[in-house]
Amino acid sequence: MEQLNKIELRGNVGNVRLSEVGGSQVARFSLATNFIYKGREGDAVIETTWHNIVAWGGGRNMPDLSKIEKGIPLYVCGRLRLSKFTGSDGAEKQIYEVVASKIALEDPSPMQCGL
């Protein structure tokens, strides 16, 4: 059986941090996705989920990472990764993040991930 770790997201960018690591540009940003459903009384309920994204510049499926700004709509394709670190309080912490393999500033069809 083939294993698969692939995630596709389309949402709006939150906070963005750009940095340089070993001569490569790295963007760490949050992406908000919304799921809309009807509540018990028939009213629309919007459930927002925030995702942590890590993108390395220079790849053929990557735009200029400096174009990623708060509020813009973005398509992200990548894999899910668990990262562990020690917090400022000394406690071991874990977060899930998406390591992007493709980012598009426009609205491509979801089938273009190509992992």
C-alpha atoms as a PDB file:
ATOM      1  CA  MET A   1       0.000   0.000   0.000  1.00  0.00           C
ATOM      2  CA  GLU A   2       1.350   3.421  -0.982  1.00  0.00           C
ATOM      3  CA  GLN A   3       1.591   5.988   1.805  1.00  0.00           C
ATOM      4  CA  LEU A   4       0.304   9.497   1.256  1.00  0.00           C
ATOM      5  CA  ASN A   5       0.882  12.763   3.097  1.00  0.00           C
ATOM      6  CA  LYS A   6      -0.671  15.539   1.020  1.00  0.00           C
ATOM      7  CA  ILE A   7      -2.698  18.598   1.950  1.00  0.00           C
ATOM      8  CA  GLU A   8      -4.293  21.296  -0.204  1.00  0.00           C
ATOM      9  CA  LEU A   9      -5.534  24.555   1.264  1.00  0.00           C
ATOM     10  CA  ARG A  10      -7.137  27.671  -0.141  1.00  0.00           C
ATOM     11  CA  GLY A  11      -7.562  30.602   2.207  1.00  0.00           C
ATOM     12  CA  ASN A  12      -6.386  34.044   3.290  1.00  0.00           C
ATOM     13  CA  VAL A  13      -2.941  34.852   4.654  1.00  0.00           C
ATOM     14  CA  GLY A  14      -2.566  36.014   8.255  1.00  0.00           C
ATOM     15  CA  ASN A  15       0.795  36.938   9.789  1.00  0.00           C
ATOM     16  CA  VAL A  16       3.930  36.558   7.637  1.00  0.00           C
ATOM     17  CA  ARG A  17       7.601  36.250   8.666  1.00  0.00           C
ATOM     18  CA  LEU A  18      10.359  36.125   6.037  1.00  0.00           C
ATOM     19  CA  SER A  19      13.883  35.022   6.915  1.00  0.00           C
ATOM     20  CA  GLU A  20      17.084  33.669   5.362  1.00  0.00           C
ATOM     21  CA  VAL A  21      18.367  30.188   6.192  1.00  0.00           C
ATOM     22  CA  GLY A  22      21.570  28.969   4.575  1.00  0.00           C
ATOM     23  CA  GLY A  23      21.216  31.395   1.679  1.00  0.00           C
ATOM     24  CA  SER A  24      17.581  30.457   0.971  1.00  0.00           C
ATOM     25  CA  GLN A  25      14.521  32.568   1.674  1.00  0.00           C
ATOM     26  CA  VAL A  26      11.959  31.017   4.033  1.00  0.00           C
ATOM     27  CA  ALA A  27       8.425  32.246   4.651  1.00  0.00           C
ATOM     28  CA  ARG A  28       6.473  31.233   7.738  1.00  0.00           C
ATOM     29  CA  PHE A  29       2.880  32.378   7.695  1.00  0.00           C
ATOM     30  CA  SER A  30      -0.589  31.520   8.879  1.00  0.00           C
ATOM     31  CA  LEU A  31      -3.441  30.713   6.509  1.00  0.00           C
ATOM     32  CA  ALA A  32      -7.122  30.938   7.468  1.00  0.00           C
ATOM     33  CA  THR A  33      -9.627  28.570   5.886  1.00  0.00           C
ATOM     34  CA  ASN A  34     -13.382  28.842   6.407  1.00  0.00           C
ATOM     35  CA  PHE A  35     -15.975  26.071   6.536  1.00  0.00           C
ATOM     36  CA  ILE A  36     -19.560  27.307   6.316  1.00  0.00           C
ATOM     37  CA  TYR A  37     -22.553  25.261   7.438  1.00  0.00           C
ATOM     38  CA  LYS A  38     -26.093  25.793   8.650  1.00  0.00           C
ATOM     39  CA  GLY A  39     -26.647  25.823  12.402  1.00  0.00           C
ATOM     40  CA  ARG A  40     -29.598  24.269  14.221  1.00  0.00           C
ATOM     41  CA  GLU A  41     -31.762  27.306  13.578  1.00  0.00           C
ATOM     42  CA  GLY A  42     -30.845  27.497   9.878  1.00  0.00           C
ATOM     43  CA  ASP A  43     -28.408  30.383  10.239  1.00  0.00           C
ATOM     44  CA  ALA A  44     -25.006  30.303   8.552  1.00  0.00           C
ATOM     45  CA  VAL A  45     -22.122  29.373  10.857  1.00  0.00           C
ATOM     46  CA  ILE A  46     -18.553  30.107   9.788  1.00  0.00           C
ATOM     47  CA  GLU A  47     -15.846  27.907  11.308  1.00  0.00           C
ATOM     48  CA  THR A  48     -12.351  29.346  10.764  1.00  0.00           C
ATOM     49  CA  THR A  49      -9.258  27.169  11.051  1.00  0.00           C
ATOM     50  CA  TRP A  50      -5.733  28.616  11.145  1.00  0.00           C
ATOM     51  CA  HIS A  51      -2.885  26.625   9.563  1.00  0.00           C
ATOM     52  CA  ASN A  52       0.866  27.175  10.022  1.00  0.00           C
ATOM     53  CA  ILE A  53       2.701  27.170   6.674  1.00  0.00           C
ATOM     54  CA  VAL A  54       6.446  26.914   5.946  1.00  0.00           C
ATOM     55  CA  ALA A  55       7.625  27.703   2.407  1.00  0.00           C
ATOM     56  CA  TRP A  56      11.164  27.605   1.029  1.00  0.00           C
ATOM     57  CA  GLY A  57      11.914  29.961  -1.861  1.00  0.00           C
ATOM     58  CA  GLY A  58      13.643  29.140  -5.099  1.00  0.00           C
ATOM     59  CA  GLY A  59      11.518  26.177  -6.174  1.00  0.00           C
ATOM     60  CA  ARG A  60       9.793  26.045  -9.549  1.00  0.00           C
ATOM     61  CA  ASN A  61       6.349  25.945  -7.899  1.00  0.00           C
ATOM     62  CA  MET A  62       7.054  28.881  -5.616  1.00  0.00           C
ATOM     63  CA  PRO A  63       6.320  32.539  -6.265  1.00  0.00           C
ATOM     64  CA  ASP A  64       8.507  35.354  -4.999  1.00  0.00           C
ATOM     65  CA  LEU A  65       7.889  34.846  -1.266  1.00  0.00           C
ATOM     66  CA  SER A  66       8.004  38.598  -0.631  1.00  0.00           C
ATOM     67  CA  LYS A  67       4.654  38.830  -2.503  1.00  0.00           C
ATOM     68  CA  ILE A  68       2.925  36.889   0.293  1.00  0.00           C
ATOM     69  CA  GLU A  69       1.158  39.535   2.355  1.00  0.00           C
ATOM     70  CA  LYS A  70      -1.513  39.597   5.036  1.00  0.00           C
ATOM     71  CA  GLY A  71      -5.034  39.262   3.663  1.00  0.00           C
ATOM     72  CA  ILE A  72      -4.303  37.947   0.167  1.00  0.00           C
ATOM     73  CA  PRO A  73      -6.024  34.763  -1.063  1.00  0.00           C
ATOM     74  CA  LEU A  74      -3.576  31.903  -1.537  1.00  0.00           C
ATOM     75  CA  TYR A  75      -3.516  28.273  -2.674  1.00  0.00           C
ATOM     76  CA  VAL A  76      -1.044  26.011  -0.850  1.00  0.00           C
ATOM     77  CA  CYS A  77      -0.186  22.392  -1.586  1.00  0.00           C
ATOM     78  CA  GLY A  78       2.240  20.430   0.565  1.00  0.00           C
ATOM     79  CA  ARG A  79       2.665  17.880   3.326  1.00  0.00           C
ATOM     80  CA  LEU A  80       1.787  17.866   7.006  1.00  0.00           C
ATOM     81  CA  ARG A  81       4.669  17.777   9.511  1.00  0.00           C
ATOM     82  CA  LEU A  82       4.828  17.650  13.307  1.00  0.00           C
ATOM     83  CA  SER A  83       7.455  20.020  14.738  1.00  0.00           C
ATOM     84  CA  LYS A  84       8.706  19.889  18.309  1.00  0.00           C
ATOM     85  CA  PHE A  85      10.417  22.723  20.147  1.00  0.00           C
ATOM     86  CA  THR A  86      11.111  24.017  23.637  1.00  0.00           C
ATOM     87  CA  GLY A  87       9.009  27.044  24.594  1.00  0.00           C
ATOM     88  CA  SER A  88      10.219  30.083  26.490  1.00  0.00           C
ATOM     89  CA  ASP A  89       8.808  28.488  29.655  1.00  0.00           C
ATOM     90  CA  GLY A  90      11.112  25.460  29.151  1.00  0.00           C
ATOM     91  CA  ALA A  91       8.256  23.103  28.290  1.00  0.00           C
ATOM     92  CA  GLU A  92       8.404  20.802  25.264  1.00  0.00           C
ATOM     93  CA  LYS A  93       5.774  21.848  22.689  1.00  0.00           C
ATOM     94  CA  GLN A  94       4.450  20.448  19.415  1.00  0.00           C
ATOM     95  CA  ILE A  95       2.750  22.079  16.441  1.00  0.00           C
ATOM     96  CA  TYR A  96       1.525  20.793  13.116  1.00  0.00           C
ATOM     97  CA  GLU A  97       2.654  22.754  10.094  1.00  0.00           C
ATOM     98  CA  VAL A  98       2.287  22.444   6.347  1.00  0.00           C
ATOM     99  CA  VAL A  99       5.553  22.308   4.405  1.00  0.00           C
ATOM    100  CA  ALA A 100       4.560  23.876   1.087  1.00  0.00           C
ATOM    101  CA  SER A 101       5.627  22.321  -2.208  1.00  0.00           C
ATOM    102  CA  LYS A 102       3.472  24.656  -4.322  1.00  0.00           C
ATOM    103  CA  ILE A 103       2.021  28.096  -3.703  1.00  0.00           C
ATOM    104  CA  ALA A 104      -0.137  30.050  -6.126  1.00  0.00           C
ATOM    105  CA  LEU A 105      -1.293  33.623  -5.679  1.00  0.00           C
ATOM    106  CA  GLU A 106      -4.196  33.048  -8.047  1.00  0.00           C
ATOM    107  CA  ASP A 107      -6.952  30.454  -7.881  1.00  0.00           C
ATOM    108  CA  PRO A 108      -5.730  27.264  -9.660  1.00  0.00           C
ATOM    109  CA  SER A 109      -7.762  24.095  -9.920  1.00  0.00           C
ATOM    110  CA  PRO A 110      -7.250  21.782  -6.901  1.00  0.00           C
ATOM    111  CA  MET A 111      -5.912  18.959  -9.103  1.00  0.00           C
ATOM    112  CA  GLN A 112      -2.639  20.796  -9.845  1.00  0.00           C
ATOM    113  CA  CYS A 113      -0.839  19.746  -6.659  1.00  0.00           C
ATOM    114  CA  GLY A 114       1.446  17.190  -8.350  1.00  0.00           C
ATOM    115  CA  LEU A 115       3.272  15.859  -5.278  1.00  0.00           C
END
